[in-house]
Amino acid sequence: MGSSDEVRWLDLAEPRTSPYATNATVDGLITSLDRQRVVLHFAGGPLDRNAMASSMGDVAEAYGGAGAHSLFVLQSGGLRETLTRNLPHVLREAVFEIVLKRVLLCVLGKAAERSVPGARGRSRSGNLPVPSPHRVAVELNSMEKDGVEPYASLTPPTGMSRLTDAESQWLARTLSQDQQLRSLGRSASATDSELLMSLTRAETPGATEGRHSSRTGLEVATGLLVRKVVNAARAVIERFRTGTHHGLYPTAVEEILREFCLTHLGAALWSGMKNEAATAFRSDEGSPAGVGRYFLDRFIEAVAVPERKDVTVVGHGSGTPLMNAFLAAFDARRGSADSPLPADFRIRNVVALAPMCTFPELASTLRRRNTAFEHFRLFALTDEAEKADHLVPVAYPRSLLYFVSGVLERDANGMSAAVPLSGMARWYDSGQVVGGPEAEEVRAVADAEPSAFVRSPGAECGARSHAQFRADPALLANLQLMISG
């Protein structure tokens, strides 16, 4: 790699000793972008700087080959690293497996007798036709033995109904007599199980005091555990009803993690990253500009030159919220009365690589076309490739985007909810209606401009995993063509 293609980066979260040191760093980076073509590449930076420089080397070389100088704008957080470090420990706990089996039994019972081989009959009192525990164990054992996803071929019946109060009460009564759950309730306060420790944290002070009176404490802990199992099952059923499920087994895993509030697995980190991205380029009234705002102002000054810089902006994965925030701030600054930019200045290309953002967030960016930028392209893995890019081999057989969508995202009210992500190809399938009006808005753009929405692997991109987006020859050639064309 030549010196002109070196990996330059600005980490917006990296602590600095003073504002002056920050400004000096930004000034040096802006000065180094001295070619007519410039690429800003937004990414969620890994914790290891050497690994980051190595992983971005092919991309920087491709940008240089297109005659551009590039700058990688990072928001450190190590989301994937955090998840891959912590998730296996939880998902492979014997405690988690016990809870998972009960959630699966509840959901399978609701999925209707004809859909579940071996289901028992039901009565008028809310009994569900649950399969035998042995059948569920066989399915889970096949996953451990052969790596086969449990119930991968199960299709929920059309018109699946909600879990009724009578069914919930029957499940609660049945589960409260489950000896394995009662055993877990007994050990909730003396365990290193992440799942059971989360149960203990959820108890009220009164319940905690009562727990030490033996039987009363056992009933309280078991009752909490049973309630969470039923709540997780209800959430899985509702996702089957609304079409936001990720398959029975992955959805059950996701909803157990949600119900037991295992936020250390990434929810707090992801929410923090998104909040930081949303404010990264703002300058609040009466307060000094942060490094992001200073960078935006200096970048605008650098491109507002008579020869006009030709700018491409790329957002990859968890860096996409940061890209969206930059484009919003750029658009607002471009339209301000004191902007140094010519009125008709536009960023030429915006490229989203497996964007880890919601449909409302992407729709907001697409509305800036013709004011902030001219051309847009999105690259996403096919759903088959997305499912095969396992975040945790065997234990969670889906990709990072699936996990963020199913566990870490929040709804418009800030509550935990399964939220479709715009970087997942499944939401662009013909006839798809999930995601609300903003998803329809984005899908309308995709339908009108099919060449702007690329699925991989294919002729224009051969990546079969999210990591391969950084080195796929077809994609890099595509990016070079966009930048130099």
Protein backbone atom coordinates (compact mmCIF):
# COMPACT_ATOMS: atom_id res chain seq x y z
CA MET A 1 0.00 0.00 0.00
CA GLY A 2 1.40 3.37 -1.00
CA SER A 3 1.65 6.26 1.44
CA SER A 4 -1.20 8.02 -0.38
CA ASP A 5 -3.44 5.03 0.44
CA GLU A 6 -2.62 4.85 4.14
CA VAL A 7 -5.41 4.25 6.63
CA ARG A 8 -6.27 7.60 8.18
CA TRP A 9 -8.83 7.60 10.94
CA LEU A 10 -10.58 9.89 13.37
CA ASP A 11 -12.05 8.22 16.47
CA LEU A 12 -14.85 10.43 17.76
CA ALA A 13 -14.93 8.59 21.10
CA GLU A 14 -11.20 8.56 21.78
CA PRO A 15 -10.36 10.66 24.87
CA ARG A 16 -8.13 13.65 24.33
CA THR A 17 -6.08 15.73 26.74
CA SER A 18 -7.51 19.07 25.60
CA PRO A 19 -9.70 20.66 22.91
CA TYR A 20 -6.53 21.99 21.31
CA ALA A 21 -5.11 18.51 20.87
CA THR A 22 -8.42 17.45 19.30
CA ASN A 23 -8.49 20.41 16.94
CA ALA A 24 -4.87 19.88 15.94
CA THR A 25 -5.59 16.23 15.12
CA VAL A 26 -8.60 17.17 12.98
CA ASP A 27 -6.64 19.92 11.23
CA GLY A 28 -3.90 17.48 10.30
CA LEU A 29 -6.38 14.94 8.93
CA ILE A 30 -8.28 17.52 6.89
CA THR A 31 -5.03 18.86 5.43
CA SER A 32 -4.03 15.34 4.37
CA LEU A 33 -7.16 15.04 2.18
CA ASP A 34 -5.49 16.99 -0.61
CA ARG A 35 -6.79 15.10 -3.65
CA GLN A 36 -9.77 16.28 -5.67
CA ARG A 37 -11.65 13.10 -4.74
CA VAL A 38 -12.38 12.44 -1.08
CA VAL A 39 -14.03 9.50 0.69
CA LEU A 40 -15.41 9.60 4.24
CA HIS A 41 -15.94 6.06 5.49
CA PHE A 42 -17.98 5.76 8.71
CA ALA A 43 -17.53 2.56 10.70
CA GLY A 44 -18.00 1.17 14.18
CA GLY A 45 -14.39 0.81 15.22
CA PRO A 46 -13.03 -2.32 16.94
CA LEU A 47 -11.19 -1.97 20.22
CA ASP A 48 -7.86 -3.13 18.76
CA ARG A 49 -6.34 -0.31 16.69
CA ASN A 50 -3.86 -2.59 14.90
CA ALA A 51 -6.71 -4.90 13.88
CA MET A 52 -8.67 -1.89 12.64
CA ALA A 53 -5.82 -0.62 10.48
CA SER A 54 -5.29 -4.08 9.04
CA SER A 55 -8.98 -4.73 8.31
CA MET A 56 -9.43 -1.38 6.54
CA GLY A 57 -6.26 -1.70 4.45
CA ASP A 58 -7.94 -3.20 1.36
CA VAL A 59 -10.68 -0.58 1.42
CA ALA A 60 -8.21 2.30 1.72
CA GLU A 61 -6.17 0.86 -1.15
CA ALA A 62 -9.30 0.62 -3.30
CA TYR A 63 -10.16 4.24 -2.57
CA GLY A 64 -6.62 5.25 -3.46
CA GLY A 65 -6.85 3.28 -6.69
CA ALA A 66 -9.86 5.42 -7.62
CA GLY A 67 -7.74 8.54 -7.18
CA ALA A 68 -9.22 9.45 -3.79
CA HIS A 69 -7.88 10.21 -0.36
CA SER A 70 -9.95 8.58 2.37
CA LEU A 71 -10.63 9.14 6.03
CA PHE A 72 -12.21 6.52 8.31
CA VAL A 73 -14.44 8.19 10.91
CA LEU A 74 -14.86 5.72 13.75
CA GLN A 75 -17.14 5.37 16.70
CA SER A 76 -15.39 2.91 18.96
CA GLY A 77 -17.44 0.55 21.01
CA GLY A 78 -16.46 -2.95 20.07
CA LEU A 79 -20.08 -4.09 19.75
CA ARG A 80 -19.29 -7.37 17.98
CA GLU A 81 -16.37 -8.05 20.31
CA THR A 82 -18.52 -7.48 23.38
CA LEU A 83 -21.24 -9.80 22.12
CA THR A 84 -18.97 -12.60 20.95
CA ARG A 85 -17.12 -12.47 24.27
CA ASN A 86 -20.21 -12.56 26.52
CA LEU A 87 -22.94 -14.36 24.61
CA PRO A 88 -21.43 -17.87 24.47
CA HIS A 89 -21.11 -17.96 28.26
CA VAL A 90 -24.82 -17.22 28.73
CA LEU A 91 -26.26 -19.23 25.85
CA ARG A 92 -24.39 -22.37 26.84
CA GLU A 93 -25.42 -22.27 30.50
CA ALA A 94 -27.41 -25.31 31.64
CA VAL A 95 -29.80 -22.81 33.24
CA PHE A 96 -30.42 -21.09 29.92
CA GLU A 97 -31.14 -24.43 28.25
CA ILE A 98 -33.73 -25.29 30.90
CA VAL A 99 -35.52 -21.98 30.40
CA LEU A 100 -35.23 -22.26 26.62
CA LYS A 101 -36.91 -25.68 26.63
CA ARG A 102 -39.86 -24.31 28.61
CA VAL A 103 -40.30 -21.32 26.30
CA LEU A 104 -40.20 -23.62 23.26
CA LEU A 105 -42.79 -25.92 24.84
CA CYS A 106 -45.13 -22.98 25.43
CA VAL A 107 -44.80 -21.62 21.90
CA LEU A 108 -45.07 -25.02 20.26
CA GLY A 109 -48.22 -25.68 22.22
CA LYS A 110 -49.73 -22.51 20.81
CA ALA A 111 -48.66 -23.28 17.25
CA ALA A 112 -51.65 -25.68 16.87
CA GLU A 113 -51.92 -29.45 17.10
CA ARG A 114 -51.52 -30.17 13.40
CA SER A 115 -48.25 -28.17 13.28
CA VAL A 116 -46.63 -30.04 16.15
CA PRO A 117 -46.02 -33.79 15.81
CA GLY A 118 -46.73 -35.57 19.06
CA ALA A 119 -48.83 -32.79 20.59
CA ARG A 120 -51.13 -33.78 23.40
CA GLY A 121 -54.85 -33.03 23.40
CA ARG A 122 -56.25 -29.89 24.99
CA SER A 123 -59.20 -29.27 27.24
CA ARG A 124 -61.57 -26.34 27.66
CA SER A 125 -59.64 -24.86 30.58
CA GLY A 126 -56.88 -23.23 28.54
CA ASN A 127 -54.66 -26.28 28.23
CA LEU A 128 -52.25 -26.05 25.32
CA PRO A 129 -51.35 -29.09 23.16
CA VAL A 130 -47.69 -28.99 24.16
CA PRO A 131 -45.31 -31.56 22.65
CA SER A 132 -43.50 -33.95 24.92
CA PRO A 133 -40.35 -32.54 26.57
CA HIS A 134 -38.46 -35.46 25.04
CA ARG A 135 -39.20 -34.22 21.50
CA VAL A 136 -37.88 -30.76 22.34
CA ALA A 137 -34.76 -32.28 23.89
CA VAL A 138 -34.16 -34.31 20.72
CA GLU A 139 -34.34 -31.13 18.61
CA LEU A 140 -31.89 -29.28 20.86
CA ASN A 141 -29.56 -32.26 21.00
CA SER A 142 -29.42 -32.38 17.21
CA MET A 143 -28.21 -28.78 17.28
CA GLU A 144 -25.38 -29.62 19.66
CA LYS A 145 -24.49 -32.83 17.82
CA ASP A 146 -24.88 -31.88 14.16
CA GLY A 147 -25.17 -28.07 14.19
CA VAL A 148 -28.74 -28.26 12.85
CA GLU A 149 -30.97 -25.36 13.87
CA PRO A 150 -33.93 -26.61 15.94
CA TYR A 151 -37.35 -26.25 14.29
CA ALA A 152 -35.82 -24.48 11.28
CA SER A 153 -38.61 -25.74 9.02
CA LEU A 154 -41.49 -24.84 11.35
CA THR A 155 -43.90 -22.38 9.76
CA PRO A 156 -46.40 -20.72 12.11
CA PRO A 157 -50.02 -21.41 11.20
CA THR A 158 -51.84 -18.68 9.31
CA GLY A 159 -53.95 -16.61 11.67
CA MET A 160 -52.09 -17.67 14.80
CA SER A 161 -53.89 -16.10 17.77
CA ARG A 162 -52.50 -14.36 20.84
CA LEU A 163 -51.87 -16.23 24.06
CA THR A 164 -55.12 -15.93 26.00
CA ASP A 165 -55.39 -15.20 29.72
CA ALA A 166 -56.68 -18.72 30.31
CA GLU A 167 -53.72 -20.21 28.42
CA SER A 168 -51.25 -17.99 30.31
CA GLN A 169 -52.75 -19.06 33.63
CA TRP A 170 -52.63 -22.74 32.64
CA LEU A 171 -48.99 -22.39 31.60
CA ALA A 172 -48.14 -20.62 34.86
CA ARG A 173 -49.81 -23.34 36.92
CA THR A 174 -48.08 -26.09 34.96
CA LEU A 175 -44.65 -24.46 35.07
CA SER A 176 -44.91 -23.65 38.77
CA GLN A 177 -44.91 -27.41 39.42
CA ASP A 178 -41.94 -28.02 37.12
CA GLN A 179 -39.25 -29.50 39.34
CA GLN A 180 -36.35 -28.13 37.31
CA LEU A 181 -37.73 -24.59 37.46
CA ARG A 182 -38.33 -24.94 41.19
CA SER A 183 -34.75 -26.10 41.57
CA LEU A 184 -33.57 -23.00 39.71
CA GLY A 185 -35.74 -20.83 41.94
CA ARG A 186 -34.12 -22.45 44.98
CA SER A 187 -30.61 -21.62 43.75
CA ALA A 188 -31.32 -18.14 42.38
CA SER A 189 -29.45 -16.33 45.16
CA ALA A 190 -26.40 -18.60 45.20
CA THR A 191 -25.22 -18.98 41.63
CA ASP A 192 -22.86 -17.57 39.05
CA SER A 193 -25.49 -17.99 36.33
CA GLU A 194 -25.98 -14.69 34.49
CA LEU A 195 -29.62 -15.57 33.87
CA LEU A 196 -30.41 -16.40 37.51
CA MET A 197 -28.47 -13.40 38.80
CA SER A 198 -30.65 -11.20 36.59
CA LEU A 199 -33.68 -12.85 38.24
CA THR A 200 -32.32 -11.98 41.68
CA ARG A 201 -31.76 -8.35 40.66
CA ALA A 202 -35.41 -8.16 39.55
CA GLU A 203 -36.77 -9.07 42.99
CA THR A 204 -38.27 -6.43 45.24
CA PRO A 205 -36.70 -5.83 48.68
CA GLY A 206 -39.71 -7.45 50.35
CA ALA A 207 -39.38 -10.51 48.17
CA THR A 208 -35.70 -10.75 48.98
CA GLU A 209 -36.40 -10.72 52.72
CA GLY A 210 -39.06 -13.38 52.30
CA ARG A 211 -36.73 -15.58 50.34
CA HIS A 212 -34.75 -16.33 53.45
CA SER A 213 -37.79 -17.92 55.07
CA SER A 214 -37.17 -20.95 52.84
CA ARG A 215 -40.49 -22.02 51.34
CA THR A 216 -41.82 -18.47 50.91
CA GLY A 217 -38.60 -17.47 49.17
CA LEU A 218 -38.73 -20.51 46.92
CA GLU A 219 -42.27 -19.68 45.82
CA VAL A 220 -41.34 -16.04 45.13
CA ALA A 221 -38.27 -16.94 43.07
CA THR A 222 -40.07 -19.71 41.19
CA GLY A 223 -43.01 -17.40 40.55
CA LEU A 224 -40.69 -14.76 39.06
CA LEU A 225 -39.00 -17.37 36.89
CA VAL A 226 -42.32 -18.78 35.67
CA ARG A 227 -43.63 -15.32 34.86
CA LYS A 228 -40.57 -14.53 32.78
CA VAL A 229 -40.85 -17.81 30.88
CA VAL A 230 -44.51 -17.11 30.06
CA ASN A 231 -43.71 -13.50 29.11
CA ALA A 232 -40.91 -14.63 26.78
CA ALA A 233 -43.21 -17.21 25.18
CA ARG A 234 -45.93 -14.59 24.72
CA ALA A 235 -43.42 -12.27 23.01
CA VAL A 236 -42.29 -15.05 20.64
CA ILE A 237 -45.91 -15.81 19.73
CA GLU A 238 -46.59 -12.13 19.07
CA ARG A 239 -43.58 -11.90 16.77
CA PHE A 240 -44.86 -14.91 14.84
CA ARG A 241 -48.20 -13.13 14.53
CA THR A 242 -46.67 -9.84 13.28
CA GLY A 243 -44.09 -11.39 10.96
CA THR A 244 -41.06 -10.02 12.86
CA HIS A 245 -39.79 -13.41 14.04
CA HIS A 246 -36.37 -14.78 13.08
CA GLY A 247 -37.37 -18.44 13.20
CA LEU A 248 -38.56 -20.25 16.33
CA TYR A 249 -35.24 -21.07 17.97
CA PRO A 250 -33.44 -17.71 17.38
CA THR A 251 -36.56 -15.74 18.39
CA ALA A 252 -36.90 -17.75 21.60
CA VAL A 253 -33.25 -17.01 22.42
CA GLU A 254 -33.78 -13.30 21.71
CA GLU A 255 -36.90 -12.96 23.83
CA ILE A 256 -35.36 -14.80 26.78
CA LEU A 257 -32.43 -12.37 26.69
CA ARG A 258 -34.87 -9.45 26.54
CA GLU A 259 -37.09 -10.75 29.33
CA PHE A 260 -34.18 -11.39 31.67
CA CYS A 261 -32.78 -7.89 31.00
CA LEU A 262 -29.27 -9.04 30.16
CA THR A 263 -28.27 -5.51 29.11
CA HIS A 264 -24.56 -6.16 29.62
CA LEU A 265 -24.72 -8.26 26.45
CA GLY A 266 -24.83 -5.11 24.36
CA ALA A 267 -28.17 -3.29 24.72
CA ALA A 268 -26.73 -0.45 26.78
CA LEU A 269 -23.65 -0.28 24.54
CA TRP A 270 -25.72 -0.13 21.35
CA SER A 271 -28.12 2.49 22.76
CA GLY A 272 -25.13 4.54 23.88
CA MET A 273 -23.49 4.31 20.47
CA LYS A 274 -26.67 5.48 18.75
CA ASN A 275 -27.16 8.35 21.18
CA GLU A 276 -23.56 9.45 20.76
CA ALA A 277 -23.90 9.26 16.97
CA ALA A 278 -27.06 11.38 17.02
CA THR A 279 -25.27 14.23 18.81
CA ALA A 280 -21.75 13.80 17.39
CA PHE A 281 -21.92 16.70 14.91
CA ARG A 282 -24.12 19.11 16.83
CA SER A 283 -23.05 22.38 18.38
CA ASP A 284 -25.38 23.28 21.24
CA GLU A 285 -26.15 26.91 21.94
CA GLY A 286 -23.74 28.35 24.49
CA SER A 287 -21.41 25.35 24.59
CA PRO A 288 -18.16 24.75 22.68
CA ALA A 289 -18.23 22.52 19.62
CA GLY A 290 -17.08 18.96 20.20
CA VAL A 291 -14.64 17.15 17.97
CA GLY A 292 -17.42 15.98 15.65
CA ARG A 293 -18.75 19.48 15.03
CA TYR A 294 -15.26 20.88 14.62
CA PHE A 295 -14.54 18.15 12.08
CA LEU A 296 -17.76 18.94 10.16
CA ASP A 297 -16.95 22.65 9.98
CA ARG A 298 -13.36 22.06 8.89
CA PHE A 299 -14.45 19.47 6.32
CA ILE A 300 -16.97 21.87 4.81
CA GLU A 301 -14.30 24.55 4.58
CA ALA A 302 -11.98 22.07 2.84
CA VAL A 303 -14.51 21.04 0.16
CA ALA A 304 -15.88 24.55 -0.40
CA VAL A 305 -13.03 25.45 -2.74
CA PRO A 306 -13.28 26.78 -6.30
CA GLU A 307 -12.26 23.45 -7.86
CA ARG A 308 -14.92 21.63 -5.80
CA LYS A 309 -14.00 18.41 -4.09
CA ASP A 310 -15.76 15.30 -5.33
CA VAL A 311 -17.06 13.62 -2.15
CA THR A 312 -18.24 10.06 -1.50
CA VAL A 313 -19.61 9.02 1.90
CA VAL A 314 -19.69 5.36 2.94
CA GLY A 315 -21.36 3.91 6.03
CA HIS A 316 -20.66 0.31 7.07
CA GLY A 317 -22.62 -1.68 9.63
CA SER A 318 -22.69 -0.09 13.08
CA GLY A 319 -21.09 3.03 11.60
CA THR A 320 -24.26 3.82 9.63
CA PRO A 321 -26.00 5.82 12.42
CA LEU A 322 -22.89 8.02 12.51
CA MET A 323 -23.07 8.46 8.72
CA ASN A 324 -26.75 9.39 8.96
CA ALA A 325 -25.99 11.97 11.65
CA PHE A 326 -23.17 13.45 9.55
CA LEU A 327 -25.41 13.80 6.50
CA ALA A 328 -28.15 15.46 8.56
CA ALA A 329 -25.67 17.93 10.06
CA PHE A 330 -24.01 18.53 6.68
CA ASP A 331 -27.40 19.23 5.09
CA ALA A 332 -28.37 21.68 7.84
CA ARG A 333 -24.99 23.44 7.69
CA ARG A 334 -25.07 23.54 3.87
CA GLY A 335 -28.42 25.31 3.95
CA SER A 336 -27.51 27.85 6.64
CA ALA A 337 -27.07 31.51 5.82
CA ASP A 338 -23.37 31.54 6.74
CA SER A 339 -22.41 28.34 4.92
CA PRO A 340 -19.28 28.65 2.76
CA LEU A 341 -20.62 25.99 0.37
CA PRO A 342 -22.08 27.01 -3.00
CA ALA A 343 -25.87 26.63 -3.02
CA ASP A 344 -25.70 23.79 -5.54
CA PHE A 345 -22.94 21.80 -3.79
CA ARG A 346 -23.83 18.14 -3.24
CA ILE A 347 -22.00 15.07 -1.96
CA ARG A 348 -21.88 12.91 -5.07
CA ASN A 349 -22.26 9.39 -3.64
CA VAL A 350 -23.69 7.91 -0.46
CA VAL A 351 -23.10 4.17 -0.01
CA ALA A 352 -24.57 2.03 2.77
CA LEU A 353 -22.89 -1.35 3.39
CA ALA A 354 -25.17 -3.62 5.44
CA PRO A 355 -26.53 -0.57 7.27
CA MET A 356 -27.25 -1.24 10.93
CA CYS A 357 -30.01 1.33 11.19
CA THR A 358 -33.79 1.27 11.31
CA PHE A 359 -36.07 2.13 8.41
CA PRO A 360 -37.08 5.52 9.90
CA GLU A 361 -33.38 6.39 10.19
CA LEU A 362 -32.61 5.40 6.59
CA ALA A 363 -35.78 7.06 5.27
CA SER A 364 -34.66 10.32 6.89
CA THR A 365 -31.33 10.07 5.06
CA LEU A 366 -32.94 9.24 1.71
CA ARG A 367 -35.10 12.37 1.99
CA ARG A 368 -31.87 14.39 1.84
CA ARG A 369 -31.12 13.23 -1.67
CA ASN A 370 -30.96 16.21 -4.04
CA THR A 371 -30.19 18.55 -1.14
CA ALA A 372 -27.24 16.90 0.64
CA PHE A 373 -26.25 14.28 -1.94
CA GLU A 374 -26.96 12.98 -5.44
CA HIS A 375 -26.59 9.17 -5.72
CA PHE A 376 -27.37 6.38 -3.26
CA ARG A 377 -26.53 2.67 -3.20
CA LEU A 378 -27.16 0.02 -0.57
CA PHE A 379 -25.42 -3.36 -0.36
CA ALA A 380 -26.94 -6.09 1.81
CA LEU A 381 -26.41 -9.80 2.30
CA THR A 382 -29.11 -12.07 0.95
CA ASP A 383 -31.20 -13.51 3.75
CA GLU A 384 -29.57 -16.89 3.17
CA ALA A 385 -26.11 -15.36 3.67
CA GLU A 386 -27.35 -13.28 6.62
CA LYS A 387 -28.60 -16.42 8.37
CA ALA A 388 -25.34 -18.25 7.64
CA ASP A 389 -23.13 -15.49 9.11
CA HIS A 390 -23.48 -16.78 12.69
CA LEU A 391 -22.74 -14.36 15.51
CA VAL A 392 -22.23 -17.29 17.92
CA PRO A 393 -21.72 -20.64 16.14
CA VAL A 394 -24.50 -23.11 16.94
CA ALA A 395 -25.90 -21.25 19.97
CA TYR A 396 -27.16 -18.23 17.99
CA PRO A 397 -27.38 -19.17 14.28
CA ARG A 398 -28.00 -15.67 12.92
CA SER A 399 -25.92 -12.59 12.09
CA LEU A 400 -25.04 -9.52 14.13
CA LEU A 401 -27.80 -7.57 12.33
CA TYR A 402 -30.33 -10.23 13.31
CA PHE A 403 -29.21 -9.93 16.94
CA VAL A 404 -29.36 -6.15 16.98
CA SER A 405 -32.81 -6.25 15.41
CA GLY A 406 -34.12 -8.96 17.72
CA VAL A 407 -32.49 -8.02 21.03
CA LEU A 408 -30.77 -4.62 21.16
CA GLU A 409 -33.07 -2.22 19.32
CA ARG A 410 -35.81 -0.15 20.97
CA ASP A 411 -39.17 1.06 19.67
CA ALA A 412 -40.26 4.70 19.25
CA ASN A 413 -41.12 4.86 22.96
CA GLY A 414 -37.72 3.61 24.02
CA MET A 415 -39.07 0.19 24.97
CA SER A 416 -37.48 -3.13 24.09
CA ALA A 417 -38.93 -4.37 20.80
CA ALA A 418 -38.00 -6.36 17.71
CA VAL A 419 -37.27 -3.69 15.09
CA PRO A 420 -36.58 -4.41 11.38
CA LEU A 421 -33.23 -3.07 10.19
CA SER A 422 -32.84 -1.50 6.76
CA GLY A 423 -29.67 -3.48 6.07
CA MET A 424 -31.46 -6.83 6.12
CA ALA A 425 -32.53 -8.02 2.67
CA ARG A 426 -35.52 -9.99 3.97
CA TRP A 427 -37.46 -6.75 4.52
CA TYR A 428 -37.25 -5.93 0.79
CA ASP A 429 -38.85 -9.17 -0.39
CA SER A 430 -41.85 -8.90 -2.69
CA GLY A 431 -45.06 -8.59 -0.69
CA GLN A 432 -43.25 -7.59 2.52
CA VAL A 433 -45.31 -5.14 4.62
CA VAL A 434 -43.53 -5.13 8.00
CA GLY A 435 -41.87 -1.97 9.28
CA GLY A 436 -44.45 0.79 9.04
CA PRO A 437 -44.68 3.77 6.68
CA GLU A 438 -40.95 4.52 6.65
CA ALA A 439 -40.18 0.96 5.57
CA GLU A 440 -42.74 1.35 2.77
CA GLU A 441 -41.02 4.59 1.79
CA VAL A 442 -37.61 2.91 1.55
CA ARG A 443 -39.04 -0.12 -0.26
CA ALA A 444 -40.67 2.21 -2.79
CA VAL A 445 -37.23 3.66 -3.57
CA ALA A 446 -35.79 0.14 -3.86
CA ASP A 447 -38.61 -0.90 -6.21
CA ALA A 448 -38.14 2.21 -8.37
CA GLU A 449 -34.33 1.91 -8.45
CA PRO A 450 -33.47 -1.81 -8.21
CA SER A 451 -29.88 -1.20 -9.31
CA ALA A 452 -29.37 0.96 -6.21
CA PHE A 453 -30.17 -1.93 -3.85
CA VAL A 454 -27.63 -4.72 -4.32
CA ARG A 455 -27.87 -8.18 -2.73
CA SER A 456 -24.73 -10.15 -2.01
CA PRO A 457 -23.41 -12.59 -3.06
CA GLY A 458 -24.01 -11.66 -6.66
CA ALA A 459 -22.30 -10.19 -9.70
CA GLU A 460 -21.71 -6.77 -8.10
CA CYS A 461 -20.63 -8.01 -4.69
CA GLY A 462 -19.48 -11.46 -3.63
CA ALA A 463 -19.46 -10.99 0.15
CA ARG A 464 -21.06 -13.84 2.11
CA SER A 465 -20.48 -12.32 5.55
CA HIS A 466 -20.31 -8.85 7.03
CA ALA A 467 -16.55 -9.09 7.48
CA GLN A 468 -16.10 -9.80 3.76
CA PHE A 469 -17.51 -6.40 2.80
CA ARG A 470 -14.10 -4.97 3.68
CA ALA A 471 -12.20 -7.09 1.16
CA ASP A 472 -14.54 -8.43 -1.52
CA PRO A 473 -12.93 -7.74 -4.94
CA ALA A 474 -16.25 -7.19 -6.76
CA LEU A 475 -17.47 -4.70 -4.16
CA LEU A 476 -14.16 -2.82 -4.08
CA ALA A 477 -14.21 -2.58 -7.86
CA ASN A 478 -17.78 -1.29 -7.64
CA LEU A 479 -16.77 1.36 -5.13
CA GLN A 480 -13.84 2.42 -7.31
CA LEU A 481 -16.17 2.82 -10.29
CA MET A 482 -18.60 4.97 -8.29
CA ILE A 483 -15.84 7.17 -6.92
CA SER A 484 -14.01 7.69 -10.22
CA GLY A 485 -17.02 7.65 -12.57
